[in-house]
Amino acid sequence: MDKLERQIAMETEAGREGLRVWQQTLRDLPPERRIMKAFELTEMARQAMKAGLRAQHPDASEQTIQELYVDRLLGHHGLSLQKIRQLQAQAS
């Protein structure tokens, strides 16, 4: 959970209780289930992100949606598909 989500959760009693239950649930899981839960949550986030991109670009092809998705992920690391393609072209 990131800092903003934690801050929002802590603003209400229900949020604090939900956060407490979530943390306890994770602590109680055996390590292999914790890893599986991480994979499940990652997949859910990926699907949600792609659904958002489809909503923003309803006429885009699946290839375009995939490129937008990858570009957005790369953006969090200061990169872009365009920059990587430029670097690849320079290397060839």
C-alpha atoms as a PDB file:
ATOM      1  CA  MET A   1       0.000   0.000   0.000  1.00  0.00           C
ATOM      2  CA  ASP A   2       1.462   3.345  -0.932  1.00  0.00           C
ATOM      3  CA  LYS A   3       1.709   6.406   1.293  1.00  0.00           C
ATOM      4  CA  LEU A   4      -1.374   8.174  -0.153  1.00  0.00           C
ATOM      5  CA  GLU A   5      -3.588   5.080   0.201  1.00  0.00           C
ATOM      6  CA  ARG A   6      -2.438   4.650   3.799  1.00  0.00           C
ATOM      7  CA  GLN A   7      -3.112   8.338   4.537  1.00  0.00           C
ATOM      8  CA  ILE A   8      -6.616   8.122   3.048  1.00  0.00           C
ATOM      9  CA  ALA A   9      -7.362   4.892   4.928  1.00  0.00           C
ATOM     10  CA  MET A  10      -6.270   6.435   8.219  1.00  0.00           C
ATOM     11  CA  GLU A  11      -8.729   9.362   7.891  1.00  0.00           C
ATOM     12  CA  THR A  12     -11.783   7.381   9.006  1.00  0.00           C
ATOM     13  CA  GLU A  13     -12.437   4.790  11.672  1.00  0.00           C
ATOM     14  CA  ALA A  14     -13.679   2.358   9.025  1.00  0.00           C
ATOM     15  CA  GLY A  15     -10.539   2.993   6.991  1.00  0.00           C
ATOM     16  CA  ARG A  16      -8.302   2.392   9.988  1.00  0.00           C
ATOM     17  CA  GLU A  17     -10.128  -0.811  10.846  1.00  0.00           C
ATOM     18  CA  GLY A  18     -10.027  -2.013   7.245  1.00  0.00           C
ATOM     19  CA  LEU A  19      -6.301  -1.311   7.079  1.00  0.00           C
ATOM     20  CA  ARG A  20      -5.729  -3.169  10.368  1.00  0.00           C
ATOM     21  CA  VAL A  21      -7.692  -6.199   9.156  1.00  0.00           C
ATOM     22  CA  TRP A  22      -5.868  -6.195   5.808  1.00  0.00           C
ATOM     23  CA  GLN A  23      -2.454  -6.037   7.462  1.00  0.00           C
ATOM     24  CA  GLN A  24      -3.348  -8.796   9.917  1.00  0.00           C
ATOM     25  CA  THR A  25      -4.714 -10.963   7.108  1.00  0.00           C
ATOM     26  CA  LEU A  26      -1.459 -10.596   5.187  1.00  0.00           C
ATOM     27  CA  ARG A  27       0.630 -11.367   8.276  1.00  0.00           C
ATOM     28  CA  ASP A  28      -1.402 -14.519   8.894  1.00  0.00           C
ATOM     29  CA  LEU A  29      -0.885 -15.901   5.384  1.00  0.00           C
ATOM     30  CA  PRO A  30       1.854 -18.463   4.862  1.00  0.00           C
ATOM     31  CA  PRO A  31       4.716 -17.113   2.689  1.00  0.00           C
ATOM     32  CA  GLU A  32       3.648 -18.984  -0.454  1.00  0.00           C
ATOM     33  CA  ARG A  33       0.089 -17.575  -0.198  1.00  0.00           C
ATOM     34  CA  ARG A  34       1.498 -14.089   0.361  1.00  0.00           C
ATOM     35  CA  ILE A  35       3.472 -14.412  -2.866  1.00  0.00           C
ATOM     36  CA  MET A  36       0.385 -15.696  -4.719  1.00  0.00           C
ATOM     37  CA  LYS A  37      -1.639 -12.769  -3.343  1.00  0.00           C
ATOM     38  CA  ALA A  38       1.027 -10.365  -4.647  1.00  0.00           C
ATOM     39  CA  PHE A  39       0.732 -11.921  -8.113  1.00  0.00           C
ATOM     40  CA  GLU A  40      -3.073 -11.735  -7.967  1.00  0.00           C
ATOM     41  CA  LEU A  41      -3.024  -8.076  -6.934  1.00  0.00           C
ATOM     42  CA  THR A  42      -0.487  -7.263  -9.652  1.00  0.00           C
ATOM     43  CA  GLU A  43      -2.716  -8.898 -12.265  1.00  0.00           C
ATOM     44  CA  MET A  44      -5.754  -7.014 -10.975  1.00  0.00           C
ATOM     45  CA  ALA A  45      -3.833  -3.719 -11.175  1.00  0.00           C
ATOM     46  CA  ARG A  46      -2.686  -4.565 -14.721  1.00  0.00           C
ATOM     47  CA  GLN A  47      -6.241  -5.317 -15.816  1.00  0.00           C
ATOM     48  CA  ALA A  48      -7.574  -2.143 -14.174  1.00  0.00           C
ATOM     49  CA  MET A  49      -4.895  -0.042 -15.851  1.00  0.00           C
ATOM     50  CA  LYS A  50      -5.646  -1.529 -19.266  1.00  0.00           C
ATOM     51  CA  ALA A  51      -9.396  -1.042 -18.741  1.00  0.00           C
ATOM     52  CA  GLY A  52      -8.715   2.616 -17.976  1.00  0.00           C
ATOM     53  CA  LEU A  53      -6.653   2.944 -21.136  1.00  0.00           C
ATOM     54  CA  ARG A  54      -9.434   1.313 -23.171  1.00  0.00           C
ATOM     55  CA  ALA A  55     -11.933   3.788 -21.705  1.00  0.00           C
ATOM     56  CA  GLN A  56      -9.645   6.704 -22.580  1.00  0.00           C
ATOM     57  CA  HIS A  57      -8.963   5.345 -26.085  1.00  0.00           C
ATOM     58  CA  PRO A  58     -12.125   3.442 -27.121  1.00  0.00           C
ATOM     59  CA  ASP A  59     -11.098   3.162 -30.776  1.00  0.00           C
ATOM     60  CA  ALA A  60      -7.574   1.908 -30.087  1.00  0.00           C
ATOM     61  CA  SER A  61      -6.480  -1.565 -31.129  1.00  0.00           C
ATOM     62  CA  GLU A  62      -5.237  -4.082 -28.576  1.00  0.00           C
ATOM     63  CA  GLN A  63      -1.710  -3.478 -29.902  1.00  0.00           C
ATOM     64  CA  THR A  64      -2.090   0.254 -29.217  1.00  0.00           C
ATOM     65  CA  ILE A  65      -3.511  -0.415 -25.748  1.00  0.00           C
ATOM     66  CA  GLN A  66      -0.524  -2.677 -25.009  1.00  0.00           C
ATOM     67  CA  GLU A  67       1.889   0.011 -26.205  1.00  0.00           C
ATOM     68  CA  LEU A  68       0.147   2.677 -24.096  1.00  0.00           C
ATOM     69  CA  TYR A  69       0.275   0.332 -21.108  1.00  0.00           C
ATOM     70  CA  VAL A  70       3.988  -0.387 -21.515  1.00  0.00           C
ATOM     71  CA  ASP A  71       4.702   3.293 -22.155  1.00  0.00           C
ATOM     72  CA  ARG A  72       2.900   4.253 -18.947  1.00  0.00           C
ATOM     73  CA  LEU A  73       4.853   1.656 -16.955  1.00  0.00           C
ATOM     74  CA  LEU A  74       8.118   2.869 -18.467  1.00  0.00           C
ATOM     75  CA  GLY A  75       7.155   6.453 -17.654  1.00  0.00           C
ATOM     76  CA  HIS A  76       7.415   5.636 -13.963  1.00  0.00           C
ATOM     77  CA  HIS A  77      11.089   4.908 -14.594  1.00  0.00           C
ATOM     78  CA  GLY A  78      11.768   7.999 -16.680  1.00  0.00           C
ATOM     79  CA  LEU A  79      11.617   6.101 -19.968  1.00  0.00           C
ATOM     80  CA  SER A  80       9.235   5.772 -22.908  1.00  0.00           C
ATOM     81  CA  LEU A  81       8.759   3.421 -25.841  1.00  0.00           C
ATOM     82  CA  GLN A  82       9.807   6.255 -28.143  1.00  0.00           C
ATOM     83  CA  LYS A  83      13.071   6.735 -26.223  1.00  0.00           C
ATOM     84  CA  ILE A  84      13.806   2.997 -26.250  1.00  0.00           C
ATOM     85  CA  ARG A  85      13.096   2.807 -29.984  1.00  0.00           C
ATOM     86  CA  GLN A  86      15.427   5.761 -30.567  1.00  0.00           C
ATOM     87  CA  LEU A  87      18.186   4.052 -28.562  1.00  0.00           C
ATOM     88  CA  GLN A  88      17.640   0.809 -30.507  1.00  0.00           C
ATOM     89  CA  ALA A  89      17.845   2.675 -33.821  1.00  0.00           C
ATOM     90  CA  GLN A  90      21.080   4.362 -32.757  1.00  0.00           C
ATOM     91  CA  ALA A  91      22.576   1.009 -31.730  1.00  0.00           C
ATOM     92  CA  SER A  92      21.836  -0.630 -35.099  1.00  0.00           C
END
